[in-house]
Protein backbone atom coordinates (compact mmCIF):
# COMPACT_ATOMS: atom_id res chain seq x y z
CA UNK A 1 162.67 130.10 20.57
CA UNK A 2 162.09 126.58 21.08
CA UNK A 3 161.55 125.05 17.15
CA UNK A 4 160.06 121.61 17.25
CA UNK A 5 159.00 119.70 14.26
CA UNK A 6 155.48 120.62 12.88
CA UNK A 7 152.92 117.61 14.21
CA UNK A 8 151.76 116.72 10.90
CA UNK A 9 148.57 114.26 11.81
CA UNK A 10 146.99 117.33 13.20
CA UNK A 11 147.13 119.29 9.97
CA UNK A 12 144.20 119.58 7.65
CA UNK A 13 144.28 120.20 3.71
CA UNK A 14 147.12 122.43 2.22
CA UNK A 15 148.61 122.71 5.47
CA UNK A 16 149.82 118.51 4.75
CA UNK A 17 151.56 119.44 1.48
CA UNK A 18 154.59 121.25 4.19
CA UNK A 19 155.52 123.21 1.12
CA UNK A 20 154.42 126.51 -0.74
CA UNK A 21 154.82 127.41 -4.24
CA UNK A 22 156.09 130.86 -3.65
CA UNK A 23 156.72 133.54 -6.69
CA UNK A 24 160.24 135.03 -6.34
CA UNK A 25 161.26 135.54 -9.80
CA UNK A 26 159.65 138.50 -10.34
CA UNK A 27 157.92 139.28 -6.97
CA UNK A 28 159.76 141.79 -4.07
CA UNK A 29 158.57 142.33 -0.88
CA UNK A 30 159.41 145.72 0.17
CA UNK A 31 159.30 146.74 3.97
CA UNK A 32 161.48 145.23 6.91
CA UNK A 33 160.28 141.64 7.58
CA UNK A 34 160.73 140.20 10.61
CA UNK A 35 161.96 136.25 10.59
CA UNK A 36 158.53 135.58 11.94
CA UNK A 37 156.61 137.58 9.41
CA UNK A 38 158.20 136.07 6.65
CA UNK A 39 157.26 132.63 7.81
CA UNK A 40 153.79 133.68 8.39
CA UNK A 41 153.49 134.94 5.15
CA UNK A 42 154.99 131.29 3.58
CA UNK A 43 152.36 129.66 6.34
CA UNK A 44 149.52 131.73 4.97
CA UNK A 45 150.34 131.77 1.34
CA UNK A 46 150.16 127.72 2.00
CA UNK A 47 147.03 127.28 3.63
CA UNK A 48 145.65 129.53 0.70
CA UNK A 49 147.44 128.26 -2.19
CA UNK A 50 144.98 125.49 -3.95
CA UNK A 51 141.89 128.49 -3.61
CA UNK A 52 143.96 131.59 -4.74
CA UNK A 53 142.10 131.97 -7.41
CA UNK A 54 138.73 130.58 -6.67
CA UNK A 55 138.27 132.03 -3.60
CA UNK A 56 138.17 135.63 -2.28
CA UNK A 57 139.00 135.04 1.07
CA UNK A 58 140.91 131.99 2.97
CA UNK A 59 140.35 130.85 6.54
CA UNK A 60 143.11 129.12 9.02
CA UNK A 61 142.66 128.10 12.98
CA UNK A 62 144.56 131.03 14.32
CA UNK A 63 146.36 128.53 17.03
CA UNK A 64 147.03 126.18 14.73
CA UNK A 65 148.89 129.15 12.59
CA UNK A 66 150.99 130.31 15.71
CA UNK A 67 152.02 126.63 15.92
CA UNK A 68 153.03 126.27 12.14
CA UNK A 69 154.89 129.65 12.70
CA UNK A 70 156.74 129.34 16.12
CA UNK A 71 153.98 131.55 18.27
CA UNK A 72 153.07 130.62 21.87
CA UNK A 73 149.87 129.35 20.72
CA UNK A 74 148.15 132.10 23.42
CA UNK A 75 150.27 134.74 21.89
CA UNK A 76 147.55 136.95 20.07
CA UNK A 77 149.17 140.41 19.78
CA UNK A 78 152.05 138.95 18.08
CA UNK A 79 150.06 137.59 15.88
CA UNK A 80 147.93 140.71 15.22
CA UNK A 81 151.13 142.77 14.77
CA UNK A 82 152.81 140.52 12.42
CA UNK A 83 149.15 140.52 10.35
CA UNK A 84 149.13 144.11 10.38
CA UNK A 85 152.42 144.64 9.22
CA UNK A 86 151.64 141.95 6.30
CA UNK A 87 149.23 144.20 5.41
CA UNK A 88 151.07 147.26 5.69
CA UNK A 89 154.09 145.73 3.65
CA UNK A 90 154.17 146.11 -0.29
CA UNK A 91 154.72 143.12 -2.88
CA UNK A 92 155.85 144.98 -6.60
CA UNK A 93 156.86 143.32 -9.82
CA UNK A 94 157.98 143.76 -13.22
CA UNK A 95 157.81 141.28 -16.07
CA UNK A 96 156.22 140.54 -19.28
CA UNK A 97 153.02 139.41 -19.78
CA UNK A 98 151.80 136.66 -21.89
CA UNK A 99 152.25 138.73 -24.99
CA UNK A 100 155.35 139.76 -24.25
CA UNK A 101 154.36 143.10 -22.77
CA UNK A 102 155.68 145.15 -20.11
CA UNK A 103 154.32 144.64 -16.84
CA UNK A 104 154.60 146.70 -13.48
CA UNK A 105 152.16 146.66 -10.21
CA UNK A 106 152.22 146.79 -6.87
CA UNK A 107 149.81 145.60 -3.90
CA UNK A 108 149.50 144.90 -0.19
CA UNK A 109 150.79 141.37 0.46
CA UNK A 110 147.46 140.82 2.52
CA UNK A 111 144.56 143.02 1.67
CA UNK A 112 143.44 142.45 5.16
CA UNK A 113 142.98 140.00 7.64
CA UNK A 114 140.94 139.79 10.81
CA UNK A 115 140.86 137.41 13.96
CA UNK A 116 137.04 135.84 15.02
CA UNK A 117 136.73 133.64 16.95
CA UNK A 118 139.48 131.80 17.11
CA UNK A 119 139.99 131.94 12.85
CA UNK A 120 142.42 134.27 10.84
CA UNK A 121 140.36 135.03 7.83
CA UNK A 122 142.56 136.98 5.41
CA UNK A 123 142.59 137.97 1.22
CA UNK A 124 144.80 138.53 -1.55
CA UNK A 125 144.15 141.37 -4.03
CA UNK A 126 143.09 139.68 -7.30
CA UNK A 127 146.25 140.91 -8.72
CA UNK A 128 148.43 139.84 -6.52
CA UNK A 129 146.99 135.87 -6.18
CA UNK A 130 147.24 135.79 -9.73
CA UNK A 131 150.80 136.18 -9.50
CA UNK A 132 151.63 134.04 -6.10
CA UNK A 133 149.49 131.42 -7.73
CA UNK A 134 151.28 131.32 -11.23
CA UNK A 135 152.87 128.52 -11.20
CA UNK A 136 156.09 129.16 -14.18
CA UNK A 137 158.36 130.47 -12.02
CA UNK A 138 158.44 129.21 -8.27
CA UNK A 139 160.44 127.89 -5.37
CA UNK A 140 159.33 124.97 -3.45
CA UNK A 141 159.57 126.24 0.18
CA UNK A 142 159.86 123.97 2.56
CA UNK A 143 158.00 124.38 5.78
CA UNK A 144 160.10 122.35 7.91
CA UNK A 145 163.39 123.64 6.84
CA UNK A 146 161.90 127.07 7.26
CA UNK A 147 161.19 126.73 11.06
CA UNK A 148 165.32 125.90 11.37
CA UNK A 149 165.68 129.56 10.37
CA UNK A 150 166.71 131.78 13.11
CA UNK A 151 167.68 134.80 10.89
CA UNK A 152 165.50 136.91 8.36
CA UNK A 153 167.85 137.20 6.30
CA UNK A 154 168.87 133.66 5.92
CA UNK A 155 165.44 132.79 5.23
CA UNK A 156 165.12 135.49 2.40
CA UNK A 157 168.37 134.61 0.84
CA UNK A 158 166.76 130.80 0.90
CA UNK A 159 163.50 131.55 -0.63
CA UNK A 160 165.15 133.49 -3.31
CA UNK A 161 168.34 131.24 -4.67
CA UNK A 162 166.85 128.04 -3.99
CA UNK A 163 164.50 128.22 -6.89
CA UNK A 164 167.94 127.97 -9.01
CA UNK A 165 169.37 124.59 -7.45
CA UNK A 166 168.81 123.09 -10.62
CA UNK A 167 170.67 125.85 -12.91
CA UNK A 168 173.43 126.08 -10.23
CA UNK A 169 173.43 129.99 -9.81
CA UNK A 170 171.52 132.61 -9.19
CA UNK A 171 172.91 135.09 -12.04
CA UNK A 172 174.22 138.54 -10.97
CA UNK A 173 171.71 140.43 -8.94
CA UNK A 174 172.35 144.53 -8.68
CA UNK A 175 173.91 145.24 -5.34
CA UNK A 176 170.25 147.06 -5.10
CA UNK A 177 168.08 144.49 -5.61
CA UNK A 178 170.21 141.98 -3.57
CA UNK A 179 169.77 145.09 -0.57
CA UNK A 180 166.04 144.95 -1.57
CA UNK A 181 165.31 141.22 -0.95
CA UNK A 182 167.20 141.31 1.96
CA UNK A 183 164.68 144.13 3.48
CA UNK A 184 167.98 146.42 4.21
CA UNK A 185 167.70 148.82 1.21
CA UNK A 186 167.42 152.40 2.55
CA UNK A 187 169.69 151.94 5.26
CA UNK A 188 172.56 154.25 5.39
CA UNK A 189 174.72 151.19 7.06
CA UNK A 190 173.95 148.93 4.59
CA UNK A 191 175.22 151.68 1.56
CA UNK A 192 178.43 150.09 2.71
CA UNK A 193 179.64 146.94 0.89
CA UNK A 194 181.98 145.83 4.18
CA UNK A 195 178.78 146.37 6.51
CA UNK A 196 176.70 144.52 3.73
CA UNK A 197 178.92 141.66 3.67
CA UNK A 198 179.68 141.25 7.53
CA UNK A 199 176.18 141.56 9.01
CA UNK A 200 173.72 139.96 5.88
CA UNK A 201 175.79 137.59 3.45
CA UNK A 202 178.32 136.30 5.37
CA UNK A 203 176.04 134.57 8.20
CA UNK A 204 172.52 134.42 5.76
CA UNK A 205 175.07 131.99 3.55
CA UNK A 206 176.43 130.41 6.21
CA UNK A 207 172.89 129.26 8.58
CA UNK A 208 171.75 128.78 5.10
CA UNK A 209 174.58 126.39 4.62
CA UNK A 210 174.51 124.65 8.04
CA UNK A 211 170.19 124.62 8.21
CA UNK A 212 168.71 123.57 4.41
CA UNK A 213 168.89 121.21 1.59
CA UNK A 214 171.30 123.88 -0.52
CA UNK A 215 174.46 125.30 -0.46
CA UNK A 216 175.59 128.44 -1.25
CA UNK A 217 179.08 130.05 -2.39
CA UNK A 218 178.81 134.03 -3.19
CA UNK A 219 180.82 135.66 -5.61
CA UNK A 220 180.85 139.20 -6.37
CA UNK A 221 181.55 141.47 -9.18
CA UNK A 222 183.10 144.78 -9.15
CA UNK A 223 182.81 147.96 -10.97
CA UNK A 224 185.95 150.21 -10.66
CA UNK A 225 186.85 149.55 -6.74
CA UNK A 226 182.97 149.32 -5.95
CA UNK A 227 181.21 145.80 -5.55
CA UNK A 228 178.40 146.30 -7.95
CA UNK A 229 177.26 142.80 -8.62
CA UNK A 230 177.01 139.13 -6.93
CA UNK A 231 175.65 135.85 -7.30
CA UNK A 232 175.21 132.50 -5.63
CA UNK A 233 176.38 129.29 -6.57
CA UNK A 234 174.25 126.98 -5.90
CA UNK A 235 174.37 122.53 -5.01
CA UNK A 236 172.23 120.60 -3.25
CA UNK A 237 173.93 119.82 0.70
CA UNK A 238 175.08 116.34 0.72
CA UNK A 239 173.88 116.65 4.16
CA UNK A 240 170.39 116.58 3.34
CA UNK A 241 169.31 112.96 4.85
CA UNK A 242 171.47 113.50 7.79
CA UNK A 243 169.12 116.83 8.34
CA UNK A 244 165.94 114.62 8.20
CA UNK A 245 164.12 117.97 7.50
CA UNK A 246 160.28 116.81 6.43
CA UNK A 247 161.19 112.79 7.80
CA UNK A 248 158.95 111.88 3.81
CA UNK A 249 155.69 113.72 4.51
CA UNK A 250 155.70 115.22 1.24
CA UNK A 251 156.30 111.54 -0.12
CA UNK A 252 153.29 110.40 1.97
CA UNK A 253 150.85 112.36 0.30
CA UNK A 254 150.93 110.92 -2.79
CA UNK A 255 148.85 108.51 -4.53
CA UNK A 256 151.52 105.87 -5.00
CA UNK A 257 153.06 105.74 -1.49
CA UNK A 258 149.35 104.99 0.07
CA UNK A 259 148.68 102.06 -2.93
CA UNK A 260 152.74 101.00 -1.44
CA UNK A 261 150.88 100.97 2.12
CA UNK A 262 147.27 98.87 1.31
CA UNK A 263 149.46 95.99 -0.41
CA UNK A 264 151.65 95.71 3.17
CA UNK A 265 154.82 97.72 1.98
CA UNK A 266 155.75 99.28 4.82
CA UNK A 267 156.36 102.67 5.87
CA UNK A 268 160.06 103.15 5.28
CA UNK A 269 160.27 100.42 2.11
CA UNK A 270 157.84 102.56 0.33
CA UNK A 271 159.75 105.62 0.80
CA UNK A 272 163.08 103.82 -0.17
CA UNK A 273 161.13 102.24 -3.57
CA UNK A 274 160.04 105.44 -4.60
CA UNK A 275 163.12 107.82 -4.19
CA UNK A 276 165.13 104.93 -6.02
CA UNK A 277 162.71 104.45 -8.81
CA UNK A 278 160.31 107.40 -9.05
CA UNK A 279 156.93 107.17 -8.46
CA UNK A 280 155.56 107.00 -12.14
CA UNK A 281 157.81 103.89 -12.80
CA UNK A 282 156.52 101.83 -8.86
CA UNK A 283 153.28 103.08 -10.00
CA UNK A 284 153.63 101.03 -13.26
CA UNK A 285 154.40 97.95 -11.94
CA UNK A 286 152.11 98.66 -9.04
CA UNK A 287 149.39 98.30 -12.01
CA UNK A 288 151.19 95.13 -13.14
CA UNK A 289 150.60 93.62 -9.77
CA UNK A 290 146.93 94.65 -9.52
CA UNK A 291 146.61 92.47 -12.95
CA UNK A 292 148.09 89.13 -11.45
CA UNK A 293 145.87 86.90 -9.59
CA UNK A 294 146.34 84.79 -6.46
CA UNK A 295 150.16 86.79 -5.65
CA UNK A 296 150.67 85.38 -1.65
CA UNK A 297 152.99 87.84 -1.41
CA UNK A 298 152.39 91.46 -2.85
CA UNK A 299 155.36 92.61 -0.86
CA UNK A 300 158.46 90.42 -2.76
CA UNK A 301 156.27 90.52 -5.91
CA UNK A 302 156.58 94.31 -6.42
CA UNK A 303 160.21 93.36 -5.29
CA UNK A 304 161.12 91.63 -7.85
CA UNK A 305 158.74 93.57 -10.60
CA UNK A 306 160.70 96.76 -9.48
CA UNK A 307 164.11 94.71 -9.75
CA UNK A 308 163.45 92.75 -13.20
CA UNK A 309 160.91 94.86 -14.57
CA UNK A 310 158.48 92.95 -15.26
CA UNK A 311 156.00 94.05 -17.86
CA UNK A 312 152.66 92.45 -19.01
CA UNK A 313 153.64 89.62 -21.67
CA UNK A 314 153.14 86.08 -21.73
CA UNK A 315 154.29 84.00 -18.96
CA UNK A 316 156.93 81.73 -18.81
CA UNK A 317 156.60 77.84 -17.39
CA UNK A 318 158.72 77.78 -14.37
CA UNK A 319 160.87 74.62 -13.24
CA UNK A 320 160.06 73.44 -9.82
CA UNK A 321 163.11 74.36 -8.95
CA UNK A 322 163.02 78.10 -9.30
CA UNK A 323 159.50 77.91 -7.91
CA UNK A 324 161.24 75.91 -4.63
CA UNK A 325 163.75 78.61 -4.27
CA UNK A 326 161.14 81.51 -4.98
CA UNK A 327 159.48 79.65 -2.04
CA UNK A 328 162.10 79.91 0.12
CA UNK A 329 162.53 83.56 -0.91
CA UNK A 330 159.06 84.37 0.33
CA UNK A 331 159.82 82.74 3.57
CA UNK A 332 162.66 84.87 3.66
CA UNK A 333 160.82 88.01 2.67
CA UNK A 334 158.69 87.24 5.12
CA UNK A 335 160.50 87.03 8.24
CA UNK A 336 162.27 90.10 7.29
CA UNK A 337 158.77 92.40 6.86
CA UNK A 338 158.56 90.43 10.30
CA UNK A 339 161.18 92.23 12.07
CA UNK A 340 161.62 95.50 9.71
CA UNK A 341 157.32 95.53 11.08
CA UNK A 342 159.51 95.21 14.96
CA UNK A 343 161.62 97.62 14.44
CA UNK A 344 159.51 100.42 13.22
CA UNK A 345 157.06 99.23 16.17
CA UNK A 346 159.92 99.58 18.76
CA UNK A 347 161.37 103.02 17.19
CA UNK A 348 157.61 104.38 17.21
CA UNK A 349 157.65 103.26 20.63
CA UNK A 350 161.11 105.14 21.13
CA UNK A 351 159.55 108.30 19.57
CA UNK A 352 156.05 108.48 21.25
CA UNK A 353 158.15 108.12 24.38
CA UNK A 354 160.65 110.92 23.37
CA UNK A 355 157.96 113.54 22.62
CA UNK A 356 156.38 112.67 25.80
CA UNK A 357 159.42 113.62 27.33
CA UNK A 358 160.22 116.72 25.24
CA UNK A 359 156.21 117.43 26.00
CA UNK A 360 157.00 117.40 29.88
CA UNK A 361 160.34 119.37 29.63
CA UNK A 362 158.28 121.91 27.86
CA UNK A 363 155.81 122.43 30.85
CA UNK A 364 158.61 122.32 33.59
CA UNK A 365 160.59 124.90 31.99
CA UNK A 366 157.27 126.83 31.22
CA UNK A 367 156.60 126.52 35.31
CA UNK A 368 159.62 128.62 36.16
CA UNK A 369 159.53 132.30 36.47
CA UNK A 370 161.57 133.88 33.98
CA UNK A 371 164.60 134.76 36.29
CA UNK A 372 164.37 130.89 36.98
CA UNK A 373 163.99 129.96 33.38
CA UNK A 374 167.50 131.71 31.93
CA UNK A 375 169.29 130.38 35.18
CA UNK A 376 167.83 126.90 34.39
CA UNK A 377 169.72 127.28 30.70
CA UNK A 378 172.70 128.24 31.43
CA UNK A 379 173.65 126.10 34.36
CA UNK A 380 172.13 123.20 31.44
CA UNK A 381 174.68 124.62 28.99
CA UNK A 382 177.58 123.94 31.68
CA UNK A 383 176.84 120.70 31.49
CA UNK A 384 177.49 120.48 28.17
CA UNK A 385 181.11 118.90 27.10
CA UNK A 386 180.26 119.14 23.48
CA UNK A 387 180.32 122.13 21.70
CA UNK A 388 177.84 120.51 18.71
CA UNK A 389 175.46 119.75 21.68
CA UNK A 390 175.77 123.38 23.37
CA UNK A 391 175.31 124.84 19.68
CA UNK A 392 171.92 122.87 19.25
CA UNK A 393 170.81 123.58 22.84
CA UNK A 394 171.11 127.53 21.83
CA UNK A 395 169.05 127.02 18.32
CA UNK A 396 166.47 125.48 19.86
CA UNK A 397 166.34 125.29 23.74
CA UNK A 398 164.07 122.58 25.83
CA UNK A 399 162.99 121.63 22.33
CA UNK A 400 166.17 119.76 20.93
CA UNK A 401 165.26 116.02 20.32
CA UNK A 402 168.85 115.12 20.59
CA UNK A 403 169.57 116.14 23.89
CA UNK A 404 166.11 114.66 25.27
CA UNK A 405 168.68 112.25 27.65
CA UNK A 406 170.81 115.17 29.23
CA UNK A 407 167.68 116.94 29.49
CA UNK A 408 165.54 114.77 31.37
CA UNK A 409 168.49 113.87 33.56
CA UNK A 410 168.52 117.64 34.59
CA UNK A 411 165.06 117.94 35.20
CA UNK A 412 164.52 114.90 36.93
CA UNK A 413 167.03 117.13 39.61
CA UNK A 414 165.45 120.05 39.68
CA UNK A 415 161.78 117.80 40.46
CA UNK A 416 162.54 114.23 41.28
CA UNK A 417 159.49 112.10 39.83
CA UNK A 418 158.62 114.29 37.20
CA UNK A 419 158.92 111.70 34.70
CA UNK A 420 157.59 109.07 36.26
CA UNK A 421 154.31 108.60 34.49
CA UNK A 422 155.83 109.65 31.23
CA UNK A 423 158.06 106.54 31.57
CA UNK A 424 155.40 104.41 32.77
């Protein structure tokens, strides 16, 4: 299934946050959720999260929901089946309450769901909503990361490991608990650790390491000759920047980012400053700038304030030489800002054209018969010499942004002139 990035500008409210707090410490989900059902559960929770306690029911546009999960926007039957599965799936928790008393509970993942007038309405039981909203122990699940997963076992492993990234290890899990977390408990086949390791653990670890922002290393503990426990060592993926998973969308929702752009800081520089210095420090320097009158170049002034840690104190007399040097730096900064704006404009034009080309490619592919579509994909694969490119196409199909140039050339041969209006 083609996995396009989420069109952020089409989303509203909590869906723009791109990530969901999911309590995985004490809540275990029984049942055999498919990959898409697990993704659907995360999107529904993200949409409802801010009002989990205050509202008894929640709504989301059905087409938007399908788009975020990866369904065809018109495939309501698959959506119905997935919602039915979530309503039939049991969530169980066993934890200590605020007074240190043991609390056990069980609830269906969704208490109900319905589709009416193009809107999906759903609800959680009050007890489960309270647990899902508990901020004490949660993993931050990024929806752009989850869309990259092609295996339900890999996504389940990622969800259950990511919250331990700061401690570096999940701690030891009994094998029976691990089978439950992966949704393979009750399967005689996976009672064999050999099968569990070969079919679940190794493939899931491999996909998490290639797909997400963490790297996992499994370790096993034996009791006698049998593997009794498993744990996963966790560290951040140094290739995260190369994955370009969320393109800074989380940062862009912050108040500090908006204040920076309001004084003329470019998108790229705003995200760089926040990443390097943190929102609190940048906000402090913005407050300092706000108290200054007559600043001709807020961007240059902010850059110096961040670099030299400007603080509110009596200003010193500045010599003419320093003023001249500052003016020269101002001119350089203005030219650099103009150059960066031009580059950003050109990059935006390239991204827009690439998106339009991808949309046209999907239209062309959708217009072919199922037999033709299979043949098209096999033929295109033979045109790719690099195994990395072939792997990318197998994973993303006609939605692979990295292969746009090759795909355009391929479809131009099949449909001459198909891109004339797109590239005009």
